[in-house]
Amino acid sequence: MRLTFCGVRGSTPAPGAEFVRYGGHTSCVAVAHDGAAAPTLILDAGTGVRRVTALLAAGADVMVHDAQLLAEEVAAEAAFGHAAADYAVALARHAGARRVALFHHRPDRTDDALDELGRRFVAAPVPVLVAAEEQILDV
């Protein structure tokens, strides 16, 4: 098994020349089985996940992705480090994932708003599932 540290910082990224040796991305560990070209598991996917996201999603049966924000909310909320659902769907299409499950919903996004989120992606180029608590997905 191989562990790759894709980010090692705490809650806030640390960009700049003073943070090159150890890196400035927040915590992310990619786990790959022996001999595997790409990781199959990500632990604590902070900003370091940007280095391996496309590899992980490539040809995946299902890509499970943070959907805390909508594209129009990113500018105001970017400091929190969460992704937009629109980005997740675009990444899944680009990487060739067969479907995407959106989770890690914004705490104040109501059930009705999550229903609307699902309707937003009805015509998406990959099937989109808005994950619900205790839902089971056979892969």
N, C-alpha and C. Protein backbone atom coordinates (compact mmCIF):
# COMPACT_ATOMS: atom_id res chain seq x y z
N MET A 1 0.86 -1.17 0.00
CA MET A 1 0.00 0.00 0.00
C MET A 1 0.90 1.23 0.00
N ARG A 2 0.47 2.25 -0.71
CA ARG A 2 1.26 3.48 -0.81
C ARG A 2 0.41 4.67 -0.34
N LEU A 3 0.97 5.48 0.55
CA LEU A 3 0.34 6.71 1.02
C LEU A 3 1.06 7.89 0.39
N THR A 4 0.30 8.81 -0.17
CA THR A 4 0.88 10.04 -0.71
C THR A 4 0.28 11.21 0.05
N PHE A 5 1.13 12.02 0.66
CA PHE A 5 0.67 13.20 1.37
C PHE A 5 0.52 14.32 0.35
N CYS A 6 -0.71 14.63 -0.01
CA CYS A 6 -1.00 15.66 -1.02
C CYS A 6 -1.20 17.02 -0.40
N GLY A 7 -1.29 17.08 0.89
CA GLY A 7 -1.42 18.31 1.65
C GLY A 7 -1.20 18.00 3.11
N VAL A 8 -0.52 18.89 3.83
CA VAL A 8 -0.18 18.61 5.23
C VAL A 8 -0.51 19.75 6.19
N ARG A 9 -1.03 20.84 5.69
CA ARG A 9 -1.34 22.00 6.55
C ARG A 9 -2.65 21.78 7.29
N GLY A 10 -2.92 22.63 8.25
CA GLY A 10 -4.16 22.58 9.03
C GLY A 10 -5.34 23.09 8.24
N SER A 11 -6.21 23.82 8.86
CA SER A 11 -7.48 24.23 8.27
C SER A 11 -7.38 25.26 7.16
N THR A 12 -6.29 26.00 7.11
CA THR A 12 -6.15 27.08 6.13
C THR A 12 -4.93 26.84 5.26
N PRO A 13 -5.08 26.90 3.92
CA PRO A 13 -3.91 26.75 3.05
C PRO A 13 -2.88 27.84 3.35
N ALA A 14 -1.63 27.53 3.10
CA ALA A 14 -0.54 28.47 3.35
C ALA A 14 0.27 28.65 2.05
N PRO A 15 -0.18 29.57 1.20
CA PRO A 15 0.55 29.79 -0.06
C PRO A 15 1.77 30.69 0.15
N GLY A 16 2.73 30.58 -0.75
CA GLY A 16 3.88 31.48 -0.72
C GLY A 16 5.20 30.74 -0.66
N ALA A 17 6.24 31.49 -0.92
CA ALA A 17 7.59 30.94 -1.00
C ALA A 17 8.06 30.32 0.32
N GLU A 18 7.51 30.78 1.44
CA GLU A 18 7.93 30.27 2.75
C GLU A 18 7.34 28.90 3.05
N PHE A 19 6.49 28.40 2.17
CA PHE A 19 5.78 27.14 2.43
C PHE A 19 6.01 26.11 1.33
N VAL A 20 7.16 26.16 0.69
CA VAL A 20 7.43 25.28 -0.44
C VAL A 20 7.94 23.90 0.01
N ARG A 21 8.84 23.84 0.94
CA ARG A 21 9.44 22.56 1.34
C ARG A 21 8.41 21.56 1.85
N TYR A 22 7.47 22.01 2.65
CA TYR A 22 6.45 21.12 3.19
C TYR A 22 5.11 21.26 2.48
N GLY A 23 4.99 22.25 1.65
CA GLY A 23 3.75 22.45 0.90
C GLY A 23 2.74 23.29 1.66
N GLY A 24 1.84 23.91 0.90
CA GLY A 24 0.88 24.80 1.50
C GLY A 24 -0.55 24.30 1.50
N HIS A 25 -0.81 23.15 0.87
CA HIS A 25 -2.18 22.62 0.83
C HIS A 25 -2.60 22.06 2.18
N THR A 26 -3.91 22.12 2.45
CA THR A 26 -4.43 21.54 3.68
C THR A 26 -4.49 20.02 3.54
N SER A 27 -4.70 19.36 4.64
CA SER A 27 -4.53 17.92 4.74
C SER A 27 -5.27 17.10 3.70
N CYS A 28 -4.53 16.15 3.15
CA CYS A 28 -5.08 15.20 2.19
C CYS A 28 -4.07 14.06 2.05
N VAL A 29 -4.55 12.84 2.22
CA VAL A 29 -3.71 11.65 2.06
C VAL A 29 -4.38 10.76 1.03
N ALA A 30 -3.63 10.41 -0.03
CA ALA A 30 -4.13 9.51 -1.07
C ALA A 30 -3.58 8.11 -0.79
N VAL A 31 -4.45 7.12 -0.82
CA VAL A 31 -4.06 5.74 -0.55
C VAL A 31 -4.21 4.93 -1.83
N ALA A 32 -3.16 4.21 -2.21
CA ALA A 32 -3.19 3.35 -3.40
C ALA A 32 -2.76 1.95 -2.99
N HIS A 33 -3.41 0.97 -3.58
CA HIS A 33 -3.01 -0.43 -3.37
C HIS A 33 -1.66 -0.67 -4.03
N ASP A 34 -0.95 -1.68 -3.58
CA ASP A 34 0.35 -2.02 -4.17
C ASP A 34 0.22 -2.19 -5.67
N GLY A 35 1.07 -1.50 -6.40
CA GLY A 35 1.10 -1.59 -7.84
C GLY A 35 0.06 -0.77 -8.58
N ALA A 36 -0.87 -0.16 -7.86
CA ALA A 36 -1.91 0.64 -8.52
C ALA A 36 -1.33 1.96 -9.00
N ALA A 37 -1.75 2.37 -10.18
CA ALA A 37 -1.25 3.62 -10.74
C ALA A 37 -1.91 4.83 -10.10
N ALA A 38 -3.14 4.68 -9.65
CA ALA A 38 -3.88 5.80 -9.08
C ALA A 38 -4.42 5.42 -7.71
N PRO A 39 -4.62 6.40 -6.84
CA PRO A 39 -5.19 6.11 -5.53
C PRO A 39 -6.64 5.66 -5.65
N THR A 40 -7.08 4.88 -4.68
CA THR A 40 -8.46 4.42 -4.64
C THR A 40 -9.21 4.95 -3.43
N LEU A 41 -8.49 5.62 -2.55
CA LEU A 41 -9.10 6.16 -1.33
C LEU A 41 -8.41 7.46 -0.96
N ILE A 42 -9.21 8.44 -0.55
CA ILE A 42 -8.67 9.72 -0.09
C ILE A 42 -9.09 9.92 1.36
N LEU A 43 -8.14 10.31 2.20
CA LEU A 43 -8.41 10.61 3.60
C LEU A 43 -8.29 12.11 3.81
N ASP A 44 -9.27 12.70 4.46
CA ASP A 44 -9.26 14.12 4.80
C ASP A 44 -8.93 14.97 3.58
N ALA A 45 -9.85 15.07 2.68
CA ALA A 45 -9.63 15.72 1.39
C ALA A 45 -9.66 17.24 1.49
N GLY A 46 -8.60 17.81 2.05
CA GLY A 46 -8.46 19.26 2.07
C GLY A 46 -8.07 19.77 0.69
N THR A 47 -7.45 20.93 0.62
CA THR A 47 -7.11 21.49 -0.69
C THR A 47 -6.09 20.64 -1.43
N GLY A 48 -5.38 19.77 -0.73
CA GLY A 48 -4.43 18.88 -1.38
C GLY A 48 -5.09 17.90 -2.35
N VAL A 49 -6.39 17.69 -2.21
CA VAL A 49 -7.09 16.76 -3.09
C VAL A 49 -7.06 17.24 -4.55
N ARG A 50 -6.82 18.52 -4.75
CA ARG A 50 -6.76 19.05 -6.12
C ARG A 50 -5.71 18.32 -6.95
N ARG A 51 -4.69 17.80 -6.30
CA ARG A 51 -3.60 17.12 -7.02
C ARG A 51 -4.01 15.75 -7.54
N VAL A 52 -5.02 15.14 -6.93
CA VAL A 52 -5.36 13.77 -7.32
C VAL A 52 -6.81 13.58 -7.76
N THR A 53 -7.62 14.62 -7.76
CA THR A 53 -9.03 14.47 -8.04
C THR A 53 -9.30 13.85 -9.40
N ALA A 54 -8.67 14.35 -10.45
CA ALA A 54 -8.93 13.81 -11.78
C ALA A 54 -8.51 12.35 -11.88
N LEU A 55 -7.40 11.98 -11.23
CA LEU A 55 -6.97 10.58 -11.23
C LEU A 55 -8.01 9.69 -10.56
N LEU A 56 -8.54 10.14 -9.44
CA LEU A 56 -9.52 9.36 -8.71
C LEU A 56 -10.81 9.19 -9.47
N ALA A 57 -11.25 10.24 -10.12
CA ALA A 57 -12.55 10.22 -10.79
C ALA A 57 -12.52 9.52 -12.14
N ALA A 58 -11.35 9.37 -12.72
CA ALA A 58 -11.23 8.81 -14.07
C ALA A 58 -11.89 7.44 -14.15
N GLY A 59 -12.96 7.36 -14.92
CA GLY A 59 -13.64 6.09 -15.16
C GLY A 59 -14.35 5.50 -13.96
N ALA A 60 -14.51 6.27 -12.89
CA ALA A 60 -15.14 5.76 -11.66
C ALA A 60 -16.60 5.39 -11.92
N ASP A 61 -17.08 4.36 -11.23
CA ASP A 61 -18.50 4.02 -11.29
C ASP A 61 -19.33 5.16 -10.71
N VAL A 62 -18.86 5.69 -9.58
CA VAL A 62 -19.54 6.83 -8.97
C VAL A 62 -18.48 7.72 -8.31
N MET A 63 -18.58 9.00 -8.55
CA MET A 63 -17.71 9.97 -7.91
C MET A 63 -18.53 10.66 -6.83
N VAL A 64 -18.11 10.53 -5.58
CA VAL A 64 -18.79 11.19 -4.45
C VAL A 64 -18.04 12.49 -4.19
N HIS A 65 -18.77 13.61 -4.20
CA HIS A 65 -18.09 14.90 -4.16
C HIS A 65 -18.83 15.89 -3.28
N ASP A 66 -18.06 16.73 -2.62
CA ASP A 66 -18.57 17.86 -1.84
C ASP A 66 -19.45 18.74 -2.73
N ALA A 67 -20.61 19.12 -2.20
CA ALA A 67 -21.52 20.00 -2.93
C ALA A 67 -22.07 21.07 -1.99
N GLN A 68 -21.20 21.59 -1.16
CA GLN A 68 -21.59 22.58 -0.17
C GLN A 68 -22.16 23.85 -0.81
N LEU A 69 -21.63 24.20 -1.98
CA LEU A 69 -21.99 25.47 -2.61
C LEU A 69 -22.62 25.29 -3.98
N LEU A 70 -23.26 26.34 -4.44
CA LEU A 70 -23.69 26.46 -5.83
C LEU A 70 -22.69 27.39 -6.52
N ALA A 71 -22.60 27.31 -7.82
CA ALA A 71 -21.62 28.13 -8.54
C ALA A 71 -21.74 29.61 -8.17
N GLU A 72 -22.96 30.09 -8.04
CA GLU A 72 -23.17 31.51 -7.75
C GLU A 72 -22.81 31.89 -6.31
N GLU A 73 -22.55 30.91 -5.45
CA GLU A 73 -22.18 31.19 -4.06
C GLU A 73 -20.68 31.17 -3.82
N VAL A 74 -19.92 30.67 -4.78
CA VAL A 74 -18.48 30.46 -4.57
C VAL A 74 -17.74 31.74 -4.24
N ALA A 75 -17.98 32.81 -4.96
CA ALA A 75 -17.24 34.06 -4.73
C ALA A 75 -17.37 34.54 -3.28
N ALA A 76 -18.56 34.45 -2.73
CA ALA A 76 -18.80 34.93 -1.37
C ALA A 76 -18.32 33.95 -0.30
N GLU A 77 -18.20 32.67 -0.65
CA GLU A 77 -17.90 31.64 0.34
C GLU A 77 -16.56 30.94 0.11
N ALA A 78 -15.78 31.38 -0.85
CA ALA A 78 -14.55 30.68 -1.25
C ALA A 78 -13.57 30.44 -0.10
N ALA A 79 -13.54 31.32 0.87
CA ALA A 79 -12.58 31.19 1.96
C ALA A 79 -12.78 29.93 2.78
N PHE A 80 -13.96 29.32 2.70
CA PHE A 80 -14.23 28.14 3.50
C PHE A 80 -13.72 26.86 2.86
N GLY A 81 -13.29 26.91 1.59
CA GLY A 81 -12.67 25.76 0.94
C GLY A 81 -13.60 24.69 0.44
N HIS A 82 -14.88 24.97 0.33
CA HIS A 82 -15.83 23.98 -0.17
C HIS A 82 -16.02 24.12 -1.67
N ALA A 83 -16.55 23.08 -2.28
CA ALA A 83 -16.72 23.05 -3.73
C ALA A 83 -18.17 23.35 -4.11
N ALA A 84 -18.32 23.76 -5.35
CA ALA A 84 -19.65 23.98 -5.91
C ALA A 84 -20.12 22.68 -6.58
N ALA A 85 -21.39 22.40 -6.43
CA ALA A 85 -21.99 21.23 -7.07
C ALA A 85 -21.73 21.26 -8.57
N ASP A 86 -21.80 22.45 -9.17
CA ASP A 86 -21.58 22.60 -10.61
C ASP A 86 -20.17 22.12 -10.99
N TYR A 87 -19.19 22.43 -10.15
CA TYR A 87 -17.82 21.99 -10.39
C TYR A 87 -17.74 20.47 -10.33
N ALA A 88 -18.40 19.87 -9.35
CA ALA A 88 -18.37 18.42 -9.20
C ALA A 88 -18.93 17.72 -10.43
N VAL A 89 -20.03 18.22 -10.94
CA VAL A 89 -20.65 17.61 -12.12
C VAL A 89 -19.74 17.78 -13.33
N ALA A 90 -19.15 18.95 -13.50
CA ALA A 90 -18.22 19.17 -14.62
C ALA A 90 -17.00 18.27 -14.51
N LEU A 91 -16.47 18.10 -13.30
CA LEU A 91 -15.32 17.24 -13.10
C LEU A 91 -15.66 15.79 -13.43
N ALA A 92 -16.82 15.33 -12.99
CA ALA A 92 -17.24 13.96 -13.27
C ALA A 92 -17.32 13.73 -14.79
N ARG A 93 -17.89 14.68 -15.51
CA ARG A 93 -17.99 14.56 -16.97
C ARG A 93 -16.59 14.53 -17.57
N HIS A 94 -15.75 15.45 -17.17
CA HIS A 94 -14.39 15.57 -17.73
C HIS A 94 -13.56 14.30 -17.45
N ALA A 95 -13.72 13.74 -16.27
CA ALA A 95 -12.92 12.58 -15.88
C ALA A 95 -13.49 11.25 -16.39
N GLY A 96 -14.72 11.29 -16.90
CA GLY A 96 -15.31 10.06 -17.40
C GLY A 96 -15.98 9.22 -16.32
N ALA A 97 -16.29 9.83 -15.18
CA ALA A 97 -17.03 9.09 -14.15
C ALA A 97 -18.43 8.79 -14.69
N ARG A 98 -18.96 7.64 -14.33
CA ARG A 98 -20.26 7.23 -14.86
C ARG A 98 -21.45 7.91 -14.17
N ARG A 99 -21.25 8.37 -12.95
CA ARG A 99 -22.28 9.14 -12.24
C ARG A 99 -21.62 9.88 -11.08
N VAL A 100 -22.34 10.85 -10.54
CA VAL A 100 -21.80 11.63 -9.43
C VAL A 100 -22.84 11.70 -8.32
N ALA A 101 -22.36 11.52 -7.09
CA ALA A 101 -23.21 11.67 -5.91
C ALA A 101 -22.76 12.93 -5.18
N LEU A 102 -23.65 13.87 -5.05
CA LEU A 102 -23.35 15.12 -4.35
C LEU A 102 -23.70 14.95 -2.88
N PHE A 103 -22.75 15.29 -2.00
CA PHE A 103 -22.98 15.20 -0.57
C PHE A 103 -22.26 16.34 0.13
N HIS A 104 -22.22 16.32 1.44
CA HIS A 104 -21.62 17.37 2.25
C HIS A 104 -22.37 18.67 2.00
N HIS A 105 -23.69 18.54 2.07
CA HIS A 105 -24.57 19.67 1.78
C HIS A 105 -24.43 20.78 2.81
N ARG A 106 -24.63 21.98 2.36
CA ARG A 106 -24.60 23.15 3.24
C ARG A 106 -25.64 22.95 4.35
N PRO A 107 -25.26 23.16 5.60
CA PRO A 107 -26.18 22.89 6.72
C PRO A 107 -27.51 23.64 6.65
N ASP A 108 -27.53 24.82 6.08
CA ASP A 108 -28.78 25.57 6.01
C ASP A 108 -29.55 25.36 4.71
N ARG A 109 -29.08 24.43 3.87
CA ARG A 109 -29.80 24.14 2.63
C ARG A 109 -30.91 23.13 2.98
N THR A 110 -32.15 23.56 2.86
CA THR A 110 -33.30 22.74 3.27
C THR A 110 -33.51 21.55 2.32
N ASP A 111 -34.37 20.64 2.74
CA ASP A 111 -34.71 19.51 1.88
C ASP A 111 -35.29 19.98 0.55
N ASP A 112 -36.15 21.01 0.59
CA ASP A 112 -36.70 21.54 -0.65
C ASP A 112 -35.61 22.11 -1.54
N ALA A 113 -34.63 22.78 -0.93
CA ALA A 113 -33.52 23.33 -1.71
C ALA A 113 -32.66 22.22 -2.30
N LEU A 114 -32.51 21.11 -1.59
CA LEU A 114 -31.76 19.97 -2.13
C LEU A 114 -32.53 19.30 -3.26
N ASP A 115 -33.86 19.28 -3.17
CA ASP A 115 -34.66 18.80 -4.30
C ASP A 115 -34.41 19.67 -5.53
N GLU A 116 -34.36 20.97 -5.31
CA GLU A 116 -34.08 21.91 -6.41
C GLU A 116 -32.68 21.68 -6.97
N LEU A 117 -31.73 21.39 -6.11
CA LEU A 117 -30.38 21.08 -6.57
C LEU A 117 -30.41 19.88 -7.53
N GLY A 118 -31.15 18.86 -7.17
CA GLY A 118 -31.27 17.70 -8.05
C GLY A 118 -31.89 18.07 -9.39
N ARG A 119 -32.93 18.90 -9.36
CA ARG A 119 -33.57 19.34 -10.62
C ARG A 119 -32.61 20.16 -11.48
N ARG A 120 -31.71 20.86 -10.85
CA ARG A 120 -30.74 21.69 -11.57
C ARG A 120 -29.88 20.84 -12.51
N PHE A 121 -29.67 19.57 -12.17
CA PHE A 121 -28.78 18.72 -12.95
C PHE A 121 -29.50 17.60 -13.69
N VAL A 122 -30.80 17.73 -13.89
CA VAL A 122 -31.56 16.71 -14.61
C VAL A 122 -30.99 16.45 -16.00
N ALA A 123 -30.55 17.48 -16.68
CA ALA A 123 -30.02 17.34 -18.04
C ALA A 123 -28.48 17.29 -18.07
N ALA A 124 -27.86 17.04 -16.93
CA ALA A 124 -26.39 16.99 -16.87
C ALA A 124 -25.86 15.84 -17.74
N PRO A 125 -24.62 15.96 -18.22
CA PRO A 125 -24.05 14.92 -19.08
C PRO A 125 -23.73 13.61 -18.35
N VAL A 126 -23.79 13.60 -17.03
CA VAL A 126 -23.66 12.37 -16.23
C VAL A 126 -24.82 12.35 -15.24
N PRO A 127 -25.32 11.17 -14.89
CA PRO A 127 -26.39 11.12 -13.89
C PRO A 127 -25.91 11.69 -12.55
N VAL A 128 -26.77 12.49 -11.92
CA VAL A 128 -26.44 13.15 -10.66
C VAL A 128 -27.40 12.69 -9.57
N LEU A 129 -26.84 12.28 -8.45
CA LEU A 129 -27.61 11.87 -7.29
C LEU A 129 -27.33 12.87 -6.17
N VAL A 130 -28.36 13.38 -5.55
CA VAL A 130 -28.18 14.22 -4.36
C VAL A 130 -28.32 13.28 -3.17
N ALA A 131 -27.21 12.98 -2.51
CA ALA A 131 -27.17 11.98 -1.45
C ALA A 131 -28.00 12.40 -0.25
N ALA A 132 -28.66 11.42 0.34
CA ALA A 132 -29.47 11.62 1.54
C ALA A 132 -28.96 10.71 2.65
N GLU A 133 -29.13 11.15 3.87
CA GLU A 133 -28.70 10.36 5.02
C GLU A 133 -29.35 8.98 5.00
N GLU A 134 -28.55 7.96 5.28
CA GLU A 134 -28.93 6.55 5.32
C GLU A 134 -29.26 5.96 3.95
N GLN A 135 -29.04 6.70 2.90
CA GLN A 135 -29.22 6.17 1.55
C GLN A 135 -28.12 5.17 1.27
N ILE A 136 -28.46 4.10 0.58
CA ILE A 136 -27.49 3.08 0.21
C ILE A 136 -27.34 3.08 -1.30
N LEU A 137 -26.12 3.06 -1.75
CA LEU A 137 -25.83 3.07 -3.19
C LEU A 137 -24.98 1.84 -3.50
N ASP A 138 -25.53 0.91 -4.25
CA ASP A 138 -24.76 -0.28 -4.66
C ASP A 138 -23.88 0.10 -5.84
N VAL A 139 -22.59 -0.22 -5.72
CA VAL A 139 -21.63 0.13 -6.76
C VAL A 139 -21.05 -1.16 -7.35
